[in-house]
Amino acid sequence: MDPEADPVQRLAWQLRRLRERAGSPSYHALAQRAHYSASTLAEAAKGDRLASPAVTLAYVEACGGDRVGHLVAVGDGLHALTEGGMHASRRSIS
């Protein structure tokens, strides 16, 4: 996964990193906290498509992360994709 490739992969990379910092809980454990299925959460971190804001925020909360920062990252990704460009904001989200 290349976080510089496009906004979708950047967000997925950030979600994976957040999960690692949370101690790498299983997706089953995250699902219990986030109230989304393990497969939905795993898909969010896969990087094939941009996760919805609701799923992203649930994932972030389940990992104890910054909701606002990740919502901004989702918005940046959507903006970059809808503008036809692949230039998301380069700020780091933690």
C-alpha atoms as a PDB file:
ATOM      1  CA  MET A   1       0.000   0.000   0.000  1.00  0.00           C
ATOM      2  CA  ASP A   2       1.345   3.394  -1.026  1.00  0.00           C
ATOM      3  CA  PRO A   3      -0.086   6.296   1.022  1.00  0.00           C
ATOM      4  CA  GLU A   4       1.103   8.717  -1.656  1.00  0.00           C
ATOM      5  CA  ALA A   5      -0.632   6.870  -4.525  1.00  0.00           C
ATOM      6  CA  ASP A   6      -4.102   8.362  -4.096  1.00  0.00           C
ATOM      7  CA  PRO A   7      -6.532   9.578  -1.397  1.00  0.00           C
ATOM      8  CA  VAL A   8      -8.170   6.173  -1.026  1.00  0.00           C
ATOM      9  CA  GLN A   9      -4.918   4.370  -0.286  1.00  0.00           C
ATOM     10  CA  ARG A  10      -3.777   7.210   1.968  1.00  0.00           C
ATOM     11  CA  LEU A  11      -6.870   6.899   4.182  1.00  0.00           C
ATOM     12  CA  ALA A  12      -6.600   3.100   4.248  1.00  0.00           C
ATOM     13  CA  TRP A  13      -2.926   3.388   5.208  1.00  0.00           C
ATOM     14  CA  GLN A  14      -3.866   5.806   8.014  1.00  0.00           C
ATOM     15  CA  LEU A  15      -6.527   3.415   9.291  1.00  0.00           C
ATOM     16  CA  ARG A  16      -4.071   0.516   9.290  1.00  0.00           C
ATOM     17  CA  ARG A  17      -1.514   2.616  11.138  1.00  0.00           C
ATOM     18  CA  LEU A  18      -4.124   3.671  13.693  1.00  0.00           C
ATOM     19  CA  ARG A  19      -5.064   0.019  14.282  1.00  0.00           C
ATOM     20  CA  GLU A  20      -1.401  -0.875  14.824  1.00  0.00           C
ATOM     21  CA  ARG A  21      -1.024   1.932  17.387  1.00  0.00           C
ATOM     22  CA  ALA A  22      -4.134   0.607  19.156  1.00  0.00           C
ATOM     23  CA  GLY A  23      -2.333  -2.708  19.666  1.00  0.00           C
ATOM     24  CA  SER A  24      -3.516  -4.449  16.470  1.00  0.00           C
ATOM     25  CA  PRO A  25      -6.881  -5.632  17.784  1.00  0.00           C
ATOM     26  CA  SER A  26      -8.635  -8.216  15.630  1.00  0.00           C
ATOM     27  CA  TYR A  27     -11.315  -7.002  13.256  1.00  0.00           C
ATOM     28  CA  HIS A  28     -13.767  -9.060  15.307  1.00  0.00           C
ATOM     29  CA  ALA A  29     -12.844  -7.022  18.405  1.00  0.00           C
ATOM     30  CA  LEU A  30     -13.093  -3.759  16.444  1.00  0.00           C
ATOM     31  CA  ALA A  31     -16.489  -4.832  15.098  1.00  0.00           C
ATOM     32  CA  GLN A  32     -17.833  -5.238  18.612  1.00  0.00           C
ATOM     33  CA  ARG A  33     -16.703  -1.713  19.494  1.00  0.00           C
ATOM     34  CA  ALA A  34     -17.614  -0.049  16.191  1.00  0.00           C
ATOM     35  CA  HIS A  35     -20.988  -1.761  15.593  1.00  0.00           C
ATOM     36  CA  TYR A  36     -20.014  -2.579  12.000  1.00  0.00           C
ATOM     37  CA  SER A  37     -19.097  -6.020  10.716  1.00  0.00           C
ATOM     38  CA  ALA A  38     -15.492  -7.157  10.750  1.00  0.00           C
ATOM     39  CA  SER A  39     -15.592  -7.450   6.957  1.00  0.00           C
ATOM     40  CA  THR A  40     -16.818  -3.839   6.580  1.00  0.00           C
ATOM     41  CA  LEU A  41     -13.994  -2.578   8.786  1.00  0.00           C
ATOM     42  CA  ALA A  42     -11.408  -4.701   6.984  1.00  0.00           C
ATOM     43  CA  GLU A  43     -12.682  -3.363   3.656  1.00  0.00           C
ATOM     44  CA  ALA A  44     -12.187   0.202   4.925  1.00  0.00           C
ATOM     45  CA  ALA A  45      -8.512  -0.516   5.524  1.00  0.00           C
ATOM     46  CA  LYS A  46      -8.045  -2.408   2.266  1.00  0.00           C
ATOM     47  CA  GLY A  47      -7.674   0.670   0.069  1.00  0.00           C
ATOM     48  CA  ASP A  48      -9.768  -0.418  -2.926  1.00  0.00           C
ATOM     49  CA  ARG A  49     -12.398   2.285  -2.407  1.00  0.00           C
ATOM     50  CA  LEU A  50     -12.941   5.209  -0.081  1.00  0.00           C
ATOM     51  CA  ALA A  51     -14.648   4.164   3.140  1.00  0.00           C
ATOM     52  CA  SER A  52     -17.789   6.061   4.060  1.00  0.00           C
ATOM     53  CA  PRO A  53     -17.460   8.756   6.717  1.00  0.00           C
ATOM     54  CA  ALA A  54     -19.657   6.722   9.107  1.00  0.00           C
ATOM     55  CA  VAL A  55     -17.528   3.579   8.780  1.00  0.00           C
ATOM     56  CA  THR A  56     -14.320   5.594   9.017  1.00  0.00           C
ATOM     57  CA  LEU A  57     -15.443   7.332  12.196  1.00  0.00           C
ATOM     58  CA  ALA A  58     -16.597   4.065  13.768  1.00  0.00           C
ATOM     59  CA  TYR A  59     -13.210   2.470  12.911  1.00  0.00           C
ATOM     60  CA  VAL A  60     -11.348   5.471  14.347  1.00  0.00           C
ATOM     61  CA  GLU A  61     -13.410   5.486  17.549  1.00  0.00           C
ATOM     62  CA  ALA A  62     -12.917   1.733  17.992  1.00  0.00           C
ATOM     63  CA  CYS A  63      -9.161   2.332  17.813  1.00  0.00           C
ATOM     64  CA  GLY A  64      -9.264   5.366  20.130  1.00  0.00           C
ATOM     65  CA  GLY A  65      -8.217   7.800  17.391  1.00  0.00           C
ATOM     66  CA  ASP A  66      -8.984  11.384  16.368  1.00  0.00           C
ATOM     67  CA  ARG A  67     -12.481  11.490  14.825  1.00  0.00           C
ATOM     68  CA  VAL A  68     -12.199  15.022  13.483  1.00  0.00           C
ATOM     69  CA  GLY A  69      -8.839  14.464  11.801  1.00  0.00           C
ATOM     70  CA  HIS A  70     -10.043  11.356  10.025  1.00  0.00           C
ATOM     71  CA  LEU A  71     -13.283  13.000   8.932  1.00  0.00           C
ATOM     72  CA  VAL A  72     -11.156  15.728   7.355  1.00  0.00           C
ATOM     73  CA  ALA A  73      -9.120  13.023   5.601  1.00  0.00           C
ATOM     74  CA  VAL A  74     -12.305  11.471   4.183  1.00  0.00           C
ATOM     75  CA  GLY A  75     -13.469  14.893   2.999  1.00  0.00           C
ATOM     76  CA  ASP A  76     -10.101  15.583   1.391  1.00  0.00           C
ATOM     77  CA  GLY A  77     -10.256  12.226  -0.360  1.00  0.00           C
ATOM     78  CA  LEU A  78     -13.766  12.827  -1.661  1.00  0.00           C
ATOM     79  CA  HIS A  79     -12.818  16.296  -2.856  1.00  0.00           C
ATOM     80  CA  ALA A  80      -9.753  14.990  -4.691  1.00  0.00           C
ATOM     81  CA  LEU A  81     -11.750  12.205  -6.329  1.00  0.00           C
ATOM     82  CA  THR A  82     -14.674  14.402  -7.384  1.00  0.00           C
ATOM     83  CA  GLU A  83     -12.389  17.101  -8.752  1.00  0.00           C
ATOM     84  CA  GLY A  84     -10.862  14.489 -11.042  1.00  0.00           C
ATOM     85  CA  GLY A  85      -7.459  14.931  -9.462  1.00  0.00           C
ATOM     86  CA  MET A  86      -5.663  12.580  -7.175  1.00  0.00           C
ATOM     87  CA  HIS A  87      -4.022  15.226  -4.999  1.00  0.00           C
ATOM     88  CA  ALA A  88      -5.281  14.859  -1.445  1.00  0.00           C
ATOM     89  CA  SER A  89      -4.043  17.026   1.352  1.00  0.00           C
ATOM     90  CA  ARG A  90      -0.598  15.941   2.501  1.00  0.00           C
ATOM     91  CA  ARG A  91      -1.174  16.687   6.179  1.00  0.00           C
ATOM     92  CA  SER A  92      -0.638  13.813   8.560  1.00  0.00           C
ATOM     93  CA  ILE A  93      -3.596  12.472  10.484  1.00  0.00           C
ATOM     94  CA  SER A  94      -2.974  10.831  13.844  1.00  0.00           C
END
